[in-house]
Amino acid sequence: MDLVQNAFESWWTSLGDDSLETRFSFETAIVEIAANVIEHSRRSEADLGRRFTLELSATDDRLTAVFHDNGMPSDIDLSAVSMADLEDEDGRGLALALLSLESLDYRHEDGRNVWTLVC
């Protein structure tokens, strides 16, 4: 997770954007999706281990993060995601990401899981 947060920090600093609200929303979503990729992805290429990449980009009106990982396809319906109960220890990551973003998309493409986050 440190690598993801350090990469985000460097990228954000290079943008010169001082909007703390935007930064907090986007960084929260990125960290939550990264945690899900790390924790829940199962290897599909045993000899390579689990691998993921994160691409960050920005335009005047949009921030985008794209994760690619080599895990098995996920059977997730993002429209059915809801916040976990207060007593639950897990289950908030996707809900927090959805609340923080303009859009969150998951697909399995060319043998890779692809998560696209737009803020």
PDB file of N, CA and C in Angstrom:
ATOM      1  N   MET A   1       0.819  -1.194   0.000  1.00  0.00           N
ATOM      2  CA  MET A   1       0.000   0.000   0.000  1.00  0.00           C
ATOM      3  C   MET A   1       0.863   1.259   0.000  1.00  0.00           C
ATOM      4  N   ASP A   2       2.019   1.159   0.640  1.00  0.00           N
ATOM      5  CA  ASP A   2       2.907   2.324   0.666  1.00  0.00           C
ATOM      6  C   ASP A   2       3.300   2.753  -0.742  1.00  0.00           C
ATOM      7  N   LEU A   3       3.553   1.772  -1.621  1.00  0.00           N
ATOM      8  CA  LEU A   3       3.925   2.109  -3.000  1.00  0.00           C
ATOM      9  C   LEU A   3       2.806   2.861  -3.707  1.00  0.00           C
ATOM     10  N   VAL A   4       1.574   2.416  -3.503  1.00  0.00           N
ATOM     11  CA  VAL A   4       0.426   3.088  -4.121  1.00  0.00           C
ATOM     12  C   VAL A   4       0.301   4.505  -3.577  1.00  0.00           C
ATOM     13  N   GLN A   5       0.381   4.657  -2.273  1.00  0.00           N
ATOM     14  CA  GLN A   5       0.237   5.988  -1.676  1.00  0.00           C
ATOM     15  C   GLN A   5       1.391   6.910  -2.064  1.00  0.00           C
ATOM     16  N   ASN A   6       2.608   6.385  -2.134  1.00  0.00           N
ATOM     17  CA  ASN A   6       3.743   7.204  -2.552  1.00  0.00           C
ATOM     18  C   ASN A   6       3.626   7.623  -4.013  1.00  0.00           C
ATOM     19  N   ALA A   7       3.171   6.693  -4.870  1.00  0.00           N
ATOM     20  CA  ALA A   7       2.978   7.028  -6.284  1.00  0.00           C
ATOM     21  C   ALA A   7       1.910   8.104  -6.427  1.00  0.00           C
ATOM     22  N   PHE A   8       0.814   7.963  -5.672  1.00  0.00           N
ATOM     23  CA  PHE A   8      -0.240   8.974  -5.731  1.00  0.00           C
ATOM     24  C   PHE A   8       0.289  10.326  -5.260  1.00  0.00           C
ATOM     25  N   GLU A   9       1.012  10.340  -4.168  1.00  0.00           N
ATOM     26  CA  GLU A   9       1.561  11.580  -3.613  1.00  0.00           C
ATOM     27  C   GLU A   9       2.433  12.302  -4.640  1.00  0.00           C
ATOM     28  N   SER A  10       3.322  11.569  -5.282  1.00  0.00           N
ATOM     29  CA  SER A  10       4.198  12.172  -6.296  1.00  0.00           C
ATOM     30  C   SER A  10       3.394  12.709  -7.467  1.00  0.00           C
ATOM     31  N   TRP A  11       2.439  11.906  -7.933  1.00  0.00           N
ATOM     32  CA  TRP A  11       1.613  12.314  -9.067  1.00  0.00           C
ATOM     33  C   TRP A  11       0.793  13.549  -8.703  1.00  0.00           C
ATOM     34  N   TRP A  12       0.152  13.530  -7.540  1.00  0.00           N
ATOM     35  CA  TRP A  12      -0.687  14.658  -7.120  1.00  0.00           C
ATOM     36  C   TRP A  12       0.138  15.938  -7.013  1.00  0.00           C
ATOM     37  N   THR A  13       1.308  15.827  -6.426  1.00  0.00           N
ATOM     38  CA  THR A  13       2.186  16.989  -6.286  1.00  0.00           C
ATOM     39  C   THR A  13       2.549  17.561  -7.651  1.00  0.00           C
ATOM     40  N   SER A  14       2.773  16.683  -8.624  1.00  0.00           N
ATOM     41  CA  SER A  14       3.134  17.145  -9.970  1.00  0.00           C
ATOM     42  C   SER A  14       1.995  17.891 -10.654  1.00  0.00           C
ATOM     43  N   LEU A  15       0.755  17.637 -10.227  1.00  0.00           N
ATOM     44  CA  LEU A  15      -0.401  18.323 -10.818  1.00  0.00           C
ATOM     45  C   LEU A  15      -0.485  19.780 -10.380  1.00  0.00           C
ATOM     46  N   GLY A  16      -0.021  20.063  -9.190  1.00  0.00           N
ATOM     47  CA  GLY A  16      -0.131  21.416  -8.660  1.00  0.00           C
ATOM     48  C   GLY A  16      -1.544  21.777  -8.237  1.00  0.00           C
ATOM     49  N   ASP A  17      -2.391  20.777  -8.009  1.00  0.00           N
ATOM     50  CA  ASP A  17      -3.779  21.002  -7.586  1.00  0.00           C
ATOM     51  C   ASP A  17      -3.807  21.102  -6.064  1.00  0.00           C
ATOM     52  N   ASP A  18      -4.440  22.138  -5.542  1.00  0.00           N
ATOM     53  CA  ASP A  18      -4.482  22.302  -4.087  1.00  0.00           C
ATOM     54  C   ASP A  18      -5.861  22.032  -3.487  1.00  0.00           C
ATOM     55  N   SER A  19      -6.735  21.361  -4.235  1.00  0.00           N
ATOM     56  CA  SER A  19      -8.066  21.036  -3.738  1.00  0.00           C
ATOM     57  C   SER A  19      -7.991  19.819  -2.812  1.00  0.00           C
ATOM     58  N   LEU A  20      -8.074  20.070  -1.513  1.00  0.00           N
ATOM     59  CA  LEU A  20      -7.994  18.977  -0.546  1.00  0.00           C
ATOM     60  C   LEU A  20      -9.195  18.044  -0.643  1.00  0.00           C
ATOM     61  N   GLU A  21     -10.359  18.597  -0.934  1.00  0.00           N
ATOM     62  CA  GLU A  21     -11.557  17.759  -1.051  1.00  0.00           C
ATOM     63  C   GLU A  21     -11.416  16.773  -2.208  1.00  0.00           C
ATOM     64  N   THR A  22     -10.964  17.270  -3.356  1.00  0.00           N
ATOM     65  CA  THR A  22     -10.775  16.395  -4.510  1.00  0.00           C
ATOM     66  C   THR A  22      -9.700  15.361  -4.221  1.00  0.00           C
ATOM     67  N   ARG A  23      -8.603  15.814  -3.647  1.00  0.00           N
ATOM     68  CA  ARG A  23      -7.515  14.886  -3.335  1.00  0.00           C
ATOM     69  C   ARG A  23      -7.995  13.794  -2.385  1.00  0.00           C
ATOM     70  N   PHE A  24      -8.673  14.168  -1.315  1.00  0.00           N
ATOM     71  CA  PHE A  24      -9.137  13.196  -0.337  1.00  0.00           C
ATOM     72  C   PHE A  24     -10.078  12.182  -0.983  1.00  0.00           C
ATOM     73  N   SER A  25     -11.017  12.655  -1.785  1.00  0.00           N
ATOM     74  CA  SER A  25     -11.966  11.749  -2.440  1.00  0.00           C
ATOM     75  C   SER A  25     -11.262  10.764  -3.357  1.00  0.00           C
ATOM     76  N   PHE A  26     -10.381  11.288  -4.212  1.00  0.00           N
ATOM     77  CA  PHE A  26      -9.713  10.433  -5.191  1.00  0.00           C
ATOM     78  C   PHE A  26      -8.738   9.471  -4.512  1.00  0.00           C
ATOM     79  N   GLU A  27      -7.971   9.971  -3.567  1.00  0.00           N
ATOM     80  CA  GLU A  27      -7.003   9.122  -2.872  1.00  0.00           C
ATOM     81  C   GLU A  27      -7.707   8.031  -2.064  1.00  0.00           C
ATOM     82  N   THR A  28      -8.810   8.369  -1.418  1.00  0.00           N
ATOM     83  CA  THR A  28      -9.580   7.371  -0.672  1.00  0.00           C
ATOM     84  C   THR A  28     -10.021   6.243  -1.590  1.00  0.00           C
ATOM     85  N   ALA A  29     -10.580   6.596  -2.736  1.00  0.00           N
ATOM     86  CA  ALA A  29     -11.048   5.578  -3.679  1.00  0.00           C
ATOM     87  C   ALA A  29      -9.893   4.714  -4.182  1.00  0.00           C
ATOM     88  N   ILE A  30      -8.772   5.338  -4.520  1.00  0.00           N
ATOM     89  CA  ILE A  30      -7.615   4.592  -5.021  1.00  0.00           C
ATOM     90  C   ILE A  30      -7.105   3.618  -3.965  1.00  0.00           C
ATOM     91  N   VAL A  31      -6.980   4.074  -2.740  1.00  0.00           N
ATOM     92  CA  VAL A  31      -6.484   3.214  -1.661  1.00  0.00           C
ATOM     93  C   VAL A  31      -7.450   2.058  -1.409  1.00  0.00           C
ATOM     94  N   GLU A  32      -8.743   2.324  -1.432  1.00  0.00           N
ATOM     95  CA  GLU A  32      -9.724   1.263  -1.190  1.00  0.00           C
ATOM     96  C   GLU A  32      -9.707   0.218  -2.301  1.00  0.00           C
ATOM     97  N   ILE A  33      -9.621   0.645  -3.553  1.00  0.00           N
ATOM     98  CA  ILE A  33      -9.577  -0.317  -4.655  1.00  0.00           C
ATOM     99  C   ILE A  33      -8.257  -1.080  -4.625  1.00  0.00           C
ATOM    100  N   ALA A  34      -7.155  -0.403  -4.354  1.00  0.00           N
ATOM    101  CA  ALA A  34      -5.860  -1.091  -4.245  1.00  0.00           C
ATOM    102  C   ALA A  34      -5.917  -2.159  -3.153  1.00  0.00           C
ATOM    103  N   ALA A  35      -6.505  -1.827  -2.017  1.00  0.00           N
ATOM    104  CA  ALA A  35      -6.623  -2.796  -0.924  1.00  0.00           C
ATOM    105  C   ALA A  35      -7.439  -4.008  -1.359  1.00  0.00           C
ATOM    106  N   ASN A  36      -8.519  -3.775  -2.104  1.00  0.00           N
ATOM    107  CA  ASN A  36      -9.330  -4.893  -2.596  1.00  0.00           C
ATOM    108  C   ASN A  36      -8.547  -5.747  -3.584  1.00  0.00           C
ATOM    109  N   VAL A  37      -7.820  -5.108  -4.483  1.00  0.00           N
ATOM    110  CA  VAL A  37      -7.015  -5.855  -5.452  1.00  0.00           C
ATOM    111  C   VAL A  37      -5.992  -6.716  -4.711  1.00  0.00           C
ATOM    112  N   ILE A  38      -5.313  -6.135  -3.747  1.00  0.00           N
ATOM    113  CA  ILE A  38      -4.277  -6.854  -3.005  1.00  0.00           C
ATOM    114  C   ILE A  38      -4.876  -7.981  -2.165  1.00  0.00           C
ATOM    115  N   GLU A  39      -5.972  -7.709  -1.490  1.00  0.00           N
ATOM    116  CA  GLU A  39      -6.546  -8.686  -0.564  1.00  0.00           C
ATOM    117  C   GLU A  39      -7.363  -9.769  -1.247  1.00  0.00           C
ATOM    118  N   HIS A  40      -8.124  -9.412  -2.274  1.00  0.00           N
ATOM    119  CA  HIS A  40      -9.113 -10.351  -2.800  1.00  0.00           C
ATOM    120  C   HIS A  40      -8.756 -11.012  -4.120  1.00  0.00           C
ATOM    121  N   SER A  41      -7.773 -10.510  -4.821  1.00  0.00           N
ATOM    122  CA  SER A  41      -7.480 -11.136  -6.113  1.00  0.00           C
ATOM    123  C   SER A  41      -6.796 -12.477  -5.888  1.00  0.00           C
ATOM    124  N   ARG A  42      -7.243 -13.441  -6.664  1.00  0.00           N
ATOM    125  CA  ARG A  42      -6.629 -14.766  -6.636  1.00  0.00           C
ATOM    126  C   ARG A  42      -5.789 -14.897  -7.895  1.00  0.00           C
ATOM    127  N   ARG A  43      -4.657 -15.537  -7.766  1.00  0.00           N
ATOM    128  CA  ARG A  43      -3.751 -15.649  -8.901  1.00  0.00           C
ATOM    129  C   ARG A  43      -4.339 -16.493 -10.015  1.00  0.00           C
ATOM    130  N   SER A  44      -4.149 -16.019 -11.249  1.00  0.00           N
ATOM    131  CA  SER A  44      -4.497 -16.833 -12.404  1.00  0.00           C
ATOM    132  C   SER A  44      -3.229 -17.278 -13.117  1.00  0.00           C
ATOM    133  N   GLU A  45      -2.113 -16.664 -12.777  1.00  0.00           N
ATOM    134  CA  GLU A  45      -0.825 -17.015 -13.374  1.00  0.00           C
ATOM    135  C   GLU A  45       0.122 -17.360 -12.224  1.00  0.00           C
ATOM    136  N   ALA A  46       0.030 -18.602 -11.737  1.00  0.00           N
ATOM    137  CA  ALA A  46       0.738 -19.004 -10.521  1.00  0.00           C
ATOM    138  C   ALA A  46       2.240 -18.758 -10.597  1.00  0.00           C
ATOM    139  N   ASP A  47       2.813 -18.927 -11.779  1.00  0.00           N
ATOM    140  CA  ASP A  47       4.263 -18.748 -11.871  1.00  0.00           C
ATOM    141  C   ASP A  47       4.678 -17.279 -11.784  1.00  0.00           C
ATOM    142  N   LEU A  48       3.767 -16.363 -12.028  1.00  0.00           N
ATOM    143  CA  LEU A  48       4.092 -14.942 -11.966  1.00  0.00           C
ATOM    144  C   LEU A  48       3.690 -14.297 -10.648  1.00  0.00           C
ATOM    145  N   GLY A  49       2.873 -14.979  -9.862  1.00  0.00           N
ATOM    146  CA  GLY A  49       2.363 -14.356  -8.646  1.00  0.00           C
ATOM    147  C   GLY A  49       1.340 -13.283  -8.985  1.00  0.00           C
ATOM    148  N   ARG A  50       0.852 -12.642  -7.965  1.00  0.00           N
ATOM    149  CA  ARG A  50      -0.124 -11.568  -8.180  1.00  0.00           C
ATOM    150  C   ARG A  50       0.616 -10.303  -8.586  1.00  0.00           C
ATOM    151  N   ARG A  51       0.105  -9.663  -9.610  1.00  0.00           N
ATOM    152  CA  ARG A  51       0.717  -8.430 -10.089  1.00  0.00           C
ATOM    153  C   ARG A  51      -0.394  -7.445 -10.430  1.00  0.00           C
ATOM    154  N   PHE A  52      -0.108  -6.155 -10.167  1.00  0.00           N
ATOM    155  CA  PHE A  52      -1.043  -5.133 -10.622  1.00  0.00           C
ATOM    156  C   PHE A  52      -0.278  -3.885 -11.010  1.00  0.00           C
ATOM    157  N   THR A  53      -0.911  -3.100 -11.865  1.00  0.00           N
ATOM    158  CA  THR A  53      -0.360  -1.801 -12.247  1.00  0.00           C
ATOM    159  C   THR A  53      -1.410  -0.746 -11.949  1.00  0.00           C
ATOM    160  N   LEU A  54      -0.946   0.474 -11.770  1.00  0.00           N
ATOM    161  CA  LEU A  54      -1.825   1.620 -11.546  1.00  0.00           C
ATOM    162  C   LEU A  54      -1.383   2.729 -12.485  1.00  0.00           C
ATOM    163  N   GLU A  55      -2.319   3.196 -13.307  1.00  0.00           N
ATOM    164  CA  GLU A  55      -2.063   4.317 -14.206  1.00  0.00           C
ATOM    165  C   GLU A  55      -2.906   5.496 -13.735  1.00  0.00           C
ATOM    166  N   LEU A  56      -2.269   6.649 -13.571  1.00  0.00           N
ATOM    167  CA  LEU A  56      -2.957   7.864 -13.135  1.00  0.00           C
ATOM    168  C   LEU A  56      -2.876   8.897 -14.243  1.00  0.00           C
ATOM    169  N   SER A  57      -4.004   9.567 -14.519  1.00  0.00           N
ATOM    170  CA  SER A  57      -4.000  10.622 -15.534  1.00  0.00           C
ATOM    171  C   SER A  57      -4.960  11.728 -15.117  1.00  0.00           C
ATOM    172  N   ALA A  58      -4.722  12.904 -15.691  1.00  0.00           N
ATOM    173  CA  ALA A  58      -5.551  14.066 -15.356  1.00  0.00           C
ATOM    174  C   ALA A  58      -5.765  14.918 -16.594  1.00  0.00           C
ATOM    175  N   THR A  59      -6.985  15.450 -16.705  1.00  0.00           N
ATOM    176  CA  THR A  59      -7.297  16.484 -17.685  1.00  0.00           C
ATOM    177  C   THR A  59      -7.818  17.673 -16.889  1.00  0.00           C
ATOM    178  N   ASP A  60      -8.225  18.718 -17.578  1.00  0.00           N
ATOM    179  CA  ASP A  60      -8.722  19.905 -16.884  1.00  0.00           C
ATOM    180  C   ASP A  60      -9.932  19.610 -15.997  1.00  0.00           C
ATOM    181  N   ASP A  61     -10.740  18.619 -16.382  1.00  0.00           N
ATOM    182  CA  ASP A  61     -11.973  18.371 -15.634  1.00  0.00           C
ATOM    183  C   ASP A  61     -12.145  16.932 -15.152  1.00  0.00           C
ATOM    184  N   ARG A  62     -11.077  16.128 -15.225  1.00  0.00           N
ATOM    185  CA  ARG A  62     -11.242  14.719 -14.865  1.00  0.00           C
ATOM    186  C   ARG A  62      -9.931  14.131 -14.356  1.00  0.00           C
ATOM    187  N   LEU A  63     -10.045  13.333 -13.306  1.00  0.00           N
ATOM    188  CA  LEU A  63      -8.931  12.536 -12.799  1.00  0.00           C
ATOM    189  C   LEU A  63      -9.293  11.076 -13.019  1.00  0.00           C
ATOM    190  N   THR A  64      -8.355  10.297 -13.521  1.00  0.00           N
ATOM    191  CA  THR A  64      -8.630   8.893 -13.810  1.00  0.00           C
ATOM    192  C   THR A  64      -7.513   8.019 -13.258  1.00  0.00           C
ATOM    193  N   ALA A  65      -7.916   6.921 -12.650  1.00  0.00           N
ATOM    194  CA  ALA A  65      -6.978   5.892 -12.201  1.00  0.00           C
ATOM    195  C   ALA A  65      -7.441   4.570 -12.797  1.00  0.00           C
ATOM    196  N   VAL A  66      -6.503   3.797 -13.315  1.00  0.00           N
ATOM    197  CA  VAL A  66      -6.836   2.491 -13.883  1.00  0.00           C
ATOM    198  C   VAL A  66      -5.906   1.448 -13.276  1.00  0.00           C
ATOM    199  N   PHE A  67      -6.511   0.468 -12.618  1.00  0.00           N
ATOM    200  CA  PHE A  67      -5.779  -0.680 -12.090  1.00  0.00           C
ATOM    201  C   PHE A  67      -5.945  -1.837 -13.062  1.00  0.00           C
ATOM    202  N   HIS A  68      -4.868  -2.559 -13.324  1.00  0.00           N
ATOM    203  CA  HIS A  68      -4.897  -3.826 -14.054  1.00  0.00           C
ATOM    204  C   HIS A  68      -4.275  -4.862 -13.125  1.00  0.00           C
ATOM    205  N   ASP A  69      -4.906  -6.029 -12.991  1.00  0.00           N
ATOM    206  CA  ASP A  69      -4.284  -7.091 -12.201  1.00  0.00           C
ATOM    207  C   ASP A  69      -4.496  -8.428 -12.880  1.00  0.00           C
ATOM    208  N   ASN A  70      -3.641  -9.396 -12.533  1.00  0.00           N
ATOM    209  CA  ASN A  70      -3.682 -10.704 -13.179  1.00  0.00           C
ATOM    210  C   ASN A  70      -4.479 -11.731 -12.382  1.00  0.00           C
ATOM    211  N   GLY A  71      -5.350 -11.258 -11.514  1.00  0.00           N
ATOM    212  CA  GLY A  71      -6.174 -12.169 -10.726  1.00  0.00           C
ATOM    213  C   GLY A  71      -7.295 -12.790 -11.544  1.00  0.00           C
ATOM    214  N   MET A  72      -7.951 -13.739 -10.933  1.00  0.00           N
ATOM    215  CA  MET A  72      -9.110 -14.367 -11.555  1.00  0.00           C
ATOM    216  C   MET A  72     -10.223 -13.333 -11.680  1.00  0.00           C
ATOM    217  N   PRO A  73     -11.123 -13.515 -12.649  1.00  0.00           N
ATOM    218  CA  PRO A  73     -12.234 -12.567 -12.788  1.00  0.00           C
ATOM    219  C   PRO A  73     -13.060 -12.490 -11.509  1.00  0.00           C
ATOM    220  N   SER A  74     -13.544 -11.310 -11.221  1.00  0.00           N
ATOM    221  CA  SER A  74     -14.380 -11.089 -10.044  1.00  0.00           C
ATOM    222  C   SER A  74     -15.846 -11.122 -10.457  1.00  0.00           C
ATOM    223  N   ASP A  75     -16.664 -11.714  -9.626  1.00  0.00           N
ATOM    224  CA  ASP A  75     -18.105 -11.733  -9.874  1.00  0.00           C
ATOM    225  C   ASP A  75     -18.719 -10.654  -8.992  1.00  0.00           C
ATOM    226  N   ILE A  76     -18.636  -9.409  -9.449  1.00  0.00           N
ATOM    227  CA  ILE A  76     -19.083  -8.277  -8.634  1.00  0.00           C
ATOM    228  C   ILE A  76     -20.117  -7.466  -9.395  1.00  0.00           C
ATOM    229  N   ASP A  77     -21.156  -7.088  -8.698  1.00  0.00           N
ATOM    230  CA  ASP A  77     -22.176  -6.196  -9.245  1.00  0.00           C
ATOM    231  C   ASP A  77     -22.059  -4.885  -8.479  1.00  0.00           C
ATOM    232  N   LEU A  78     -21.402  -3.906  -9.076  1.00  0.00           N
ATOM    233  CA  LEU A  78     -21.170  -2.640  -8.375  1.00  0.00           C
ATOM    234  C   LEU A  78     -22.465  -1.917  -8.030  1.00  0.00           C
ATOM    235  N   SER A  79     -23.531  -2.178  -8.783  1.00  0.00           N
ATOM    236  CA  SER A  79     -24.803  -1.519  -8.478  1.00  0.00           C
ATOM    237  C   SER A  79     -25.444  -2.079  -7.208  1.00  0.00           C
ATOM    238  N   ALA A  80     -24.972  -3.233  -6.744  1.00  0.00           N
ATOM    239  CA  ALA A  80     -25.532  -3.854  -5.539  1.00  0.00           C
ATOM    240  C   ALA A  80     -24.688  -3.582  -4.292  1.00  0.00           C
ATOM    241  N   VAL A  81     -23.610  -2.831  -4.430  1.00  0.00           N
ATOM    242  CA  VAL A  81     -22.720  -2.566  -3.296  1.00  0.00           C
ATOM    243  C   VAL A  81     -23.392  -1.617  -2.313  1.00  0.00           C
ATOM    244  N   SER A  82     -23.300  -1.950  -1.034  1.00  0.00           N
ATOM    245  CA  SER A  82     -23.827  -1.068   0.012  1.00  0.00           C
ATOM    246  C   SER A  82     -22.825  -1.025   1.165  1.00  0.00           C
ATOM    247  N   MET A  83     -22.974  -0.034   2.010  1.00  0.00           N
ATOM    248  CA  MET A  83     -22.074   0.135   3.147  1.00  0.00           C
ATOM    249  C   MET A  83     -22.314  -0.976   4.164  1.00  0.00           C
ATOM    250  N   ALA A  84     -21.240  -1.502   4.728  1.00  0.00           N
ATOM    251  CA  ALA A  84     -21.333  -2.539   5.755  1.00  0.00           C
ATOM    252  C   ALA A  84     -21.940  -1.952   7.027  1.00  0.00           C
ATOM    253  N   ASP A  85     -22.471  -2.828   7.859  1.00  0.00           N
ATOM    254  CA  ASP A  85     -22.993  -2.398   9.154  1.00  0.00           C
ATOM    255  C   ASP A  85     -21.856  -1.917  10.045  1.00  0.00           C
ATOM    256  N   LEU A  86     -22.189  -1.109  11.030  1.00  0.00           N
ATOM    257  CA  LEU A  86     -21.185  -0.559  11.939  1.00  0.00           C
ATOM    258  C   LEU A  86     -20.387  -1.642  12.659  1.00  0.00           C
ATOM    259  N   GLU A  87     -21.018  -2.775  12.958  1.00  0.00           N
ATOM    260  CA  GLU A  87     -20.350  -3.850  13.682  1.00  0.00           C
ATOM    261  C   GLU A  87     -19.378  -4.633  12.806  1.00  0.00           C
ATOM    262  N   ASP A  88     -19.548  -4.573  11.495  1.00  0.00           N
ATOM    263  CA  ASP A  88     -18.705  -5.337  10.579  1.00  0.00           C
ATOM    264  C   ASP A  88     -17.302  -4.746  10.506  1.00  0.00           C
ATOM    265  N   GLU A  89     -16.297  -5.635  10.445  1.00  0.00           N
ATOM    266  CA  GLU A  89     -14.910  -5.182  10.358  1.00  0.00           C
ATOM    267  C   GLU A  89     -14.500  -4.882   8.925  1.00  0.00           C
ATOM    268  N   ASP A  90     -15.145  -5.492   7.964  1.00  0.00           N
ATOM    269  CA  ASP A  90     -14.809  -5.331   6.548  1.00  0.00           C
ATOM    270  C   ASP A  90     -16.051  -4.921   5.770  1.00  0.00           C
ATOM    271  N   GLY A  91     -15.856  -4.674   4.476  1.00  0.00           N
ATOM    272  CA  GLY A  91     -16.998  -4.457   3.608  1.00  0.00           C
ATOM    273  C   GLY A  91     -17.320  -3.012   3.298  1.00  0.00           C
ATOM    274  N   ARG A  92     -16.388  -2.118   3.563  1.00  0.00           N
ATOM    275  CA  ARG A  92     -16.652  -0.701   3.298  1.00  0.00           C
ATOM    276  C   ARG A  92     -15.913  -0.162   2.074  1.00  0.00           C
ATOM    277  N   GLY A  93     -14.896  -0.875   1.607  1.00  0.00           N
ATOM    278  CA  GLY A  93     -14.012  -0.369   0.566  1.00  0.00           C
ATOM    279  C   GLY A  93     -14.707   0.053  -0.711  1.00  0.00           C
ATOM    280  N   LEU A  94     -15.478  -0.843  -1.308  1.00  0.00           N
ATOM    281  CA  LEU A  94     -16.161  -0.503  -2.556  1.00  0.00           C
ATOM    282  C   LEU A  94     -17.201   0.585  -2.338  1.00  0.00           C
ATOM    283  N   ALA A  95     -17.902   0.528  -1.222  1.00  0.00           N
ATOM    284  CA  ALA A  95     -18.912   1.558  -0.937  1.00  0.00           C
ATOM    285  C   ALA A  95     -18.253   2.927  -0.793  1.00  0.00           C
ATOM    286  N   LEU A  96     -17.131   3.001  -0.088  1.00  0.00           N
ATOM    287  CA  LEU A  96     -16.411   4.273   0.048  1.00  0.00           C
ATOM    288  C   LEU A  96     -15.917   4.769  -1.302  1.00  0.00           C
ATOM    289  N   ALA A  97     -15.390   3.855  -2.111  1.00  0.00           N
ATOM    290  CA  ALA A  97     -14.914   4.249  -3.439  1.00  0.00           C
ATOM    291  C   ALA A  97     -16.062   4.801  -4.280  1.00  0.00           C
ATOM    292  N   LEU A  98     -17.192   4.113  -4.267  1.00  0.00           N
ATOM    293  CA  LEU A  98     -18.346   4.582  -5.043  1.00  0.00           C
ATOM    294  C   LEU A  98     -18.822   5.957  -4.582  1.00  0.00           C
ATOM    295  N   LEU A  99     -18.812   6.188  -3.281  1.00  0.00           N
ATOM    296  CA  LEU A  99     -19.229   7.490  -2.749  1.00  0.00           C
ATOM    297  C   LEU A  99     -18.248   8.603  -3.105  1.00  0.00           C
ATOM    298  N   SER A 100     -16.984   8.243  -3.310  1.00  0.00           N
ATOM    299  CA  SER A 100     -15.931   9.229  -3.539  1.00  0.00           C
ATOM    300  C   SER A 100     -15.742   9.596  -5.007  1.00  0.00           C
ATOM    301  N   LEU A 101     -16.320   8.827  -5.903  1.00  0.00           N
ATOM    302  CA  LEU A 101     -16.031   8.965  -7.327  1.00  0.00           C
ATOM    303  C   LEU A 101     -17.235   9.393  -8.147  1.00  0.00           C
ATOM    304  N   GLU A 102     -16.938   9.920  -9.321  1.00  0.00           N
ATOM    305  CA  GLU A 102     -17.976  10.162 -10.326  1.00  0.00           C
ATOM    306  C   GLU A 102     -18.409   8.830 -10.925  1.00  0.00           C
ATOM    307  N   SER A 103     -17.426   7.943 -11.169  1.00  0.00           N
ATOM    308  CA  SER A 103     -17.764   6.612 -11.675  1.00  0.00           C
ATOM    309  C   SER A 103     -16.682   5.606 -11.296  1.00  0.00           C
ATOM    310  N   LEU A 104     -17.123   4.364 -11.132  1.00  0.00           N
ATOM    311  CA  LEU A 104     -16.245   3.232 -10.863  1.00  0.00           C
ATOM    312  C   LEU A 104     -16.705   2.106 -11.767  1.00  0.00           C
ATOM    313  N   ASP A 105     -15.764   1.539 -12.517  1.00  0.00           N
ATOM    314  CA  ASP A 105     -16.104   0.481 -13.467  1.00  0.00           C
ATOM    315  C   ASP A 105     -15.160  -0.697 -13.260  1.00  0.00           C
ATOM    316  N   TYR A 106     -15.721  -1.908 -13.349  1.00  0.00           N
ATOM    317  CA  TYR A 106     -14.910  -3.127 -13.314  1.00  0.00           C
ATOM    318  C   TYR A 106     -15.232  -3.945 -14.549  1.00  0.00           C
ATOM    319  N   ARG A 107     -14.186  -4.506 -15.155  1.00  0.00           N
ATOM    320  CA  ARG A 107     -14.383  -5.449 -16.253  1.00  0.00           C
ATOM    321  C   ARG A 107     -13.198  -6.411 -16.279  1.00  0.00           C
ATOM    322  N   HIS A 108     -13.382  -7.554 -16.896  1.00  0.00           N
ATOM    323  CA  HIS A 108     -12.290  -8.501 -17.110  1.00  0.00           C
ATOM    324  C   HIS A 108     -12.012  -8.493 -18.600  1.00  0.00           C
ATOM    325  N   GLU A 109     -10.772  -8.176 -18.967  1.00  0.00           N
ATOM    326  CA  GLU A 109     -10.437  -7.950 -20.375  1.00  0.00           C
ATOM    327  C   GLU A 109      -9.041  -8.498 -20.660  1.00  0.00           C
ATOM    328  N   ASP A 110      -8.925  -9.287 -21.714  1.00  0.00           N
ATOM    329  CA  ASP A 110      -7.626  -9.838 -22.119  1.00  0.00           C
ATOM    330  C   ASP A 110      -6.909 -10.538 -20.962  1.00  0.00           C
ATOM    331  N   GLY A 111      -7.661 -11.285 -20.160  1.00  0.00           N
ATOM    332  CA  GLY A 111      -7.077 -12.031 -19.058  1.00  0.00           C
ATOM    333  C   GLY A 111      -6.692 -11.197 -17.848  1.00  0.00           C
ATOM    334  N   ARG A 112      -7.162  -9.959 -17.801  1.00  0.00           N
ATOM    335  CA  ARG A 112      -6.823  -9.053 -16.697  1.00  0.00           C
ATOM    336  C   ARG A 112      -8.090  -8.436 -16.123  1.00  0.00           C
ATOM    337  N   ASN A 113      -8.075  -8.192 -14.819  1.00  0.00           N
ATOM    338  CA  ASN A 113      -9.114  -7.385 -14.189  1.00  0.00           C
ATOM    339  C   ASN A 113      -8.742  -5.930 -14.407  1.00  0.00           C
ATOM    340  N   VAL A 114      -9.722  -5.123 -14.757  1.00  0.00           N
ATOM    341  CA  VAL A 114      -9.487  -3.701 -15.002  1.00  0.00           C
ATOM    342  C   VAL A 114     -10.487  -2.907 -14.174  1.00  0.00           C
ATOM    343  N   TRP A 115      -9.965  -2.075 -13.289  1.00  0.00           N
ATOM    344  CA  TRP A 115     -10.773  -1.179 -12.465  1.00  0.00           C
ATOM    345  C   TRP A 115     -10.503   0.242 -12.945  1.00  0.00           C
ATOM    346  N   THR A 116     -11.544   0.967 -13.344  1.00  0.00           N
ATOM    347  CA  THR A 116     -11.385   2.346 -13.802  1.00  0.00           C
ATOM    348  C   THR A 116     -12.125   3.265 -12.844  1.00  0.00           C
ATOM    349  N   LEU A 117     -11.391   4.209 -12.284  1.00  0.00           N
ATOM    350  CA  LEU A 117     -11.918   5.165 -11.312  1.00  0.00           C
ATOM    351  C   LEU A 117     -11.874   6.553 -11.929  1.00  0.00           C
ATOM    352  N   VAL A 118     -12.990   7.264 -11.900  1.00  0.00           N
ATOM    353  CA  VAL A 118     -13.049   8.620 -12.447  1.00  0.00           C
ATOM    354  C   VAL A 118     -13.584   9.550 -11.376  1.00  0.00           C
ATOM    355  N   CYS A 119     -12.860  10.658 -11.181  1.00  0.00           N
ATOM    356  CA  CYS A 119     -13.240  11.646 -10.181  1.00  0.00           C
ATOM    357  C   CYS A 119     -13.342  13.006 -10.858  1.00  0.00           C
TER     358      CYS A 119
END
